[in-house]
Protein backbone atom coordinates (compact mmCIF):
# COMPACT_ATOMS: atom_id res chain seq x y z
CA MET A 1 28.60 39.41 -15.65
CA THR A 2 30.70 41.47 -17.54
CA GLN A 3 28.38 43.48 -20.60
CA ILE A 4 30.04 44.99 -24.03
CA THR A 5 29.30 48.57 -24.19
CA THR A 6 31.04 49.81 -27.28
CA LEU A 7 32.13 48.64 -30.45
CA GLU A 8 35.66 48.00 -30.01
CA GLU A 9 34.80 45.46 -27.14
CA LEU A 10 32.42 43.75 -29.50
CA ARG A 11 34.64 43.76 -32.62
CA GLU A 12 37.56 42.17 -30.49
CA LEU A 13 35.30 39.20 -30.01
CA TYR A 14 35.08 38.80 -34.24
CA SER A 15 37.08 38.50 -36.90
CA THR A 16 36.98 40.77 -39.51
CA PRO A 17 34.27 40.06 -42.05
CA HIS A 18 35.00 38.78 -45.56
CA PRO A 19 35.24 41.74 -48.02
CA LEU A 20 32.16 39.70 -50.26
CA ALA A 21 30.29 39.80 -47.18
CA MET A 22 30.64 43.75 -46.61
CA ALA A 23 30.01 44.31 -50.44
CA LYS A 24 27.10 42.04 -50.74
CA ASP A 25 24.58 44.76 -49.71
CA ILE A 26 23.03 46.45 -53.05
CA LYS A 27 20.40 49.39 -53.34
CA HIS A 28 18.16 47.95 -55.96
CA ILE A 29 16.26 45.00 -56.72
CA ASP A 30 18.56 42.78 -58.98
CA GLN A 31 17.48 39.34 -61.24
CA HIS A 32 18.08 37.12 -58.05
CA THR A 33 16.35 38.93 -55.84
CA ARG A 34 13.21 39.49 -58.31
CA THR A 35 13.25 35.61 -58.37
CA PHE A 36 13.16 34.84 -54.98
CA ILE A 37 10.73 37.46 -53.63
CA GLU A 38 8.43 36.18 -56.48
CA ASN A 39 8.80 32.74 -55.36
CA SER A 40 8.10 33.86 -51.55
CA ARG A 41 4.97 32.66 -49.87
CA LEU A 42 6.31 34.30 -46.36
CA PHE A 43 8.28 37.42 -45.14
CA PHE A 44 8.49 39.19 -41.99
CA LEU A 45 7.68 42.90 -42.29
CA SER A 46 9.44 44.84 -39.22
CA SER A 47 8.51 48.42 -38.16
CA THR A 48 8.78 51.12 -35.40
CA ASN A 49 5.94 52.33 -32.92
CA GLN A 50 6.10 56.12 -32.18
CA ASP A 51 7.84 54.84 -28.52
CA GLY A 52 10.81 53.46 -30.61
CA PHE A 53 9.85 49.97 -29.99
CA LEU A 54 10.61 47.53 -32.67
CA ASP A 55 7.74 45.07 -34.42
CA ILE A 56 7.46 42.23 -36.34
CA SER A 57 4.89 40.84 -38.43
CA PRO A 58 4.67 37.77 -40.53
CA ARG A 59 3.05 38.36 -43.71
CA GLY A 60 1.80 35.45 -46.17
CA GLY A 61 -0.03 34.57 -49.58
CA ASP A 62 0.07 32.75 -52.44
CA THR A 63 3.53 32.87 -54.30
CA GLY A 64 3.46 36.29 -56.01
CA PHE A 65 1.50 38.23 -53.66
CA VAL A 66 3.97 40.51 -53.15
CA LYS A 67 4.55 42.40 -56.72
CA VAL A 68 8.18 43.76 -57.57
CA LEU A 69 6.98 46.98 -59.44
CA ASP A 70 10.48 47.99 -60.93
CA ASP A 71 14.05 47.72 -59.72
CA LYS A 72 13.48 50.09 -56.51
CA THR A 73 9.69 49.09 -55.61
CA LEU A 74 7.44 46.51 -54.30
CA ALA A 75 4.37 46.06 -53.38
CA PHE A 76 1.98 43.87 -51.54
CA PRO A 77 -2.02 43.76 -49.92
CA ASP A 78 -2.45 44.20 -46.50
CA SER A 79 -4.46 40.81 -45.61
CA PRO A 80 -7.39 40.91 -42.93
CA GLY A 81 -6.20 40.42 -39.71
CA ASN A 82 -7.20 40.89 -36.18
CA ASN A 83 -7.82 44.83 -37.08
CA ARG A 84 -5.52 46.28 -34.20
CA LEU A 85 -3.47 48.12 -37.16
CA ASP A 86 0.24 48.09 -35.28
CA THR A 87 2.06 48.02 -38.19
CA LEU A 88 0.07 50.25 -40.48
CA THR A 89 0.05 52.84 -37.46
CA ASN A 90 3.99 52.29 -37.03
CA LEU A 91 4.12 52.93 -41.03
CA ILE A 92 2.34 56.14 -40.87
CA THR A 93 4.43 57.67 -37.54
CA ASN A 94 7.91 56.02 -38.88
CA PRO A 95 7.54 54.27 -42.48
CA LYS A 96 11.38 53.12 -42.07
CA VAL A 97 10.76 49.20 -42.61
CA GLY A 98 12.83 46.04 -42.60
CA LEU A 99 11.77 42.83 -44.63
CA LEU A 100 13.05 39.07 -44.52
CA PHE A 101 11.81 37.38 -47.10
CA ILE A 102 11.98 33.14 -47.29
CA VAL A 103 11.05 30.43 -49.60
CA SER A 104 10.09 27.25 -48.51
CA GLY A 105 13.24 24.89 -48.82
CA VAL A 106 15.71 27.51 -49.84
CA GLU A 107 17.90 27.89 -46.45
CA ASP A 108 19.15 31.52 -48.17
CA VAL A 109 16.86 34.64 -46.93
CA VAL A 110 16.48 38.22 -48.53
CA ARG A 111 16.92 41.26 -46.57
CA VAL A 112 15.27 44.27 -47.11
CA LYS A 113 15.66 47.90 -45.97
CA GLY A 114 13.03 50.50 -47.39
CA THR A 115 10.53 53.24 -46.62
CA ALA A 116 6.97 51.94 -46.63
CA SER A 117 3.76 53.86 -48.00
CA ILE A 118 0.21 53.13 -47.68
CA HIS A 119 -1.77 53.23 -50.86
CA ILE A 120 -5.70 53.01 -51.63
CA ASP A 121 -5.41 53.30 -55.59
CA ASP A 122 -7.98 51.21 -57.59
CA GLU A 123 -4.78 50.43 -59.81
CA ILE A 124 -2.96 49.25 -57.14
CA ARG A 125 -5.16 47.49 -55.71
CA ASP A 126 -6.17 45.36 -58.74
CA LEU A 127 -2.15 44.68 -59.45
CA CYS A 128 -2.15 43.65 -55.84
CA LEU A 129 -4.88 40.83 -55.03
CA ASP A 130 -5.17 39.15 -51.55
CA GLY A 131 -5.79 35.49 -53.16
CA LYS A 132 -8.70 36.73 -55.83
CA THR A 133 -9.87 39.97 -53.22
CA LYS A 134 -9.15 43.33 -53.64
CA PRO A 135 -7.39 44.51 -50.55
CA LYS A 136 -8.38 47.47 -48.94
CA LEU A 137 -5.39 48.63 -48.97
CA VAL A 138 -1.64 48.39 -50.68
CA VAL A 139 1.80 48.98 -49.31
CA LYS A 140 4.19 50.12 -51.12
CA VAL A 141 8.51 49.83 -49.91
CA THR A 142 10.91 51.66 -51.60
CA ILE A 143 14.27 49.94 -51.48
CA ASP A 144 16.72 51.68 -49.56
CA SER A 145 18.96 48.55 -49.75
CA LEU A 146 19.18 44.78 -49.71
CA LEU A 147 21.40 41.82 -49.45
CA PHE A 148 20.97 37.92 -49.75
CA HIS A 149 21.90 36.68 -46.42
CA CYS A 150 24.11 34.09 -44.67
CA PRO A 151 21.94 30.64 -44.73
CA LYS A 152 23.28 29.72 -41.34
CA ALA A 153 20.36 29.92 -39.12
CA LEU A 154 17.98 28.14 -40.87
CA MET A 155 20.54 25.52 -41.77
CA LYS A 156 21.23 25.30 -37.96
CA SER A 157 17.56 24.84 -37.14
CA LYS A 158 16.72 22.30 -39.64
CA ILE A 159 13.35 24.26 -40.36
CA TRP A 160 12.61 22.66 -43.58
CA ASN A 161 13.40 19.11 -42.47
CA ASN A 162 10.61 16.85 -42.14
CA GLU A 163 12.16 15.66 -38.70
CA SER A 164 12.39 18.97 -37.22
CA PHE A 165 8.25 19.98 -37.55
CA VAL A 166 6.86 19.33 -34.23
CA GLU A 167 3.06 18.43 -33.70
CA ARG A 168 1.04 21.40 -31.67
CA GLU A 169 0.14 19.20 -29.07
CA PHE A 170 2.62 20.74 -26.63
CA LEU A 171 1.01 24.28 -27.07
CA PRO A 172 -2.88 24.85 -26.44
CA SER A 173 -5.05 26.96 -29.16
CA LEU A 174 -4.18 30.68 -29.41
CA LEU A 175 -7.64 31.14 -28.09
CA LYS A 176 -6.93 29.16 -25.24
CA ILE A 177 -3.54 31.15 -24.83
CA ILE A 178 -4.91 34.56 -25.17
CA GLN A 179 -7.73 33.52 -22.31
CA ASP A 180 -4.98 32.65 -19.77
CA GLN A 181 -3.04 35.52 -20.75
CA GLN A 182 -5.82 37.57 -19.88
CA VAL A 183 -6.57 36.04 -16.73
CA GLU A 184 -3.11 35.99 -15.62
CA LYS A 185 -2.94 40.00 -16.54
CA GLU A 186 -6.32 40.64 -14.06
CA GLN A 187 -4.52 38.82 -11.61
CA ARG A 188 -1.54 40.67 -11.59
CA ASP A 189 -3.26 44.11 -11.81
CA ASN A 190 -5.09 43.32 -8.84
């Protein structure tokens, strides 16, 4: 199997991108991005741990749970979870993040690159409620760049088509999955 190891080898396989595709990366939150983010109920947050491994975590809430504070800053509450604090720990050691916003039924996505910070001030916590609850903390992201991403992946997946919805029956509950994984882990470790 031949492995691609250089940018030149990689570029030989693909056409030069259209100039508009290259220019769509902007350095601020414009009116369209603001509207998209304010209507998003779900985004994915990528971070990097201290060993350099990437991590990604879904974040969700009611429409508007992510607040656009100004044209360079957004903020969102940290919702209670499993208390592992993987993402928050990553943000302390490496604040560079990526966010991928989706809006149910819309095939476009918004990609954001930025620098995150963690805040516990009452004022920001009151602004970024987790539903009706004041969160323990709020994550702010200063925008380095963003863009509307090509909808091709969502179009190909047909993720928003009712016919593509899958019933859970093919997979056990999350609790059962974790229990089975622990049993298998113990067997492999012995």
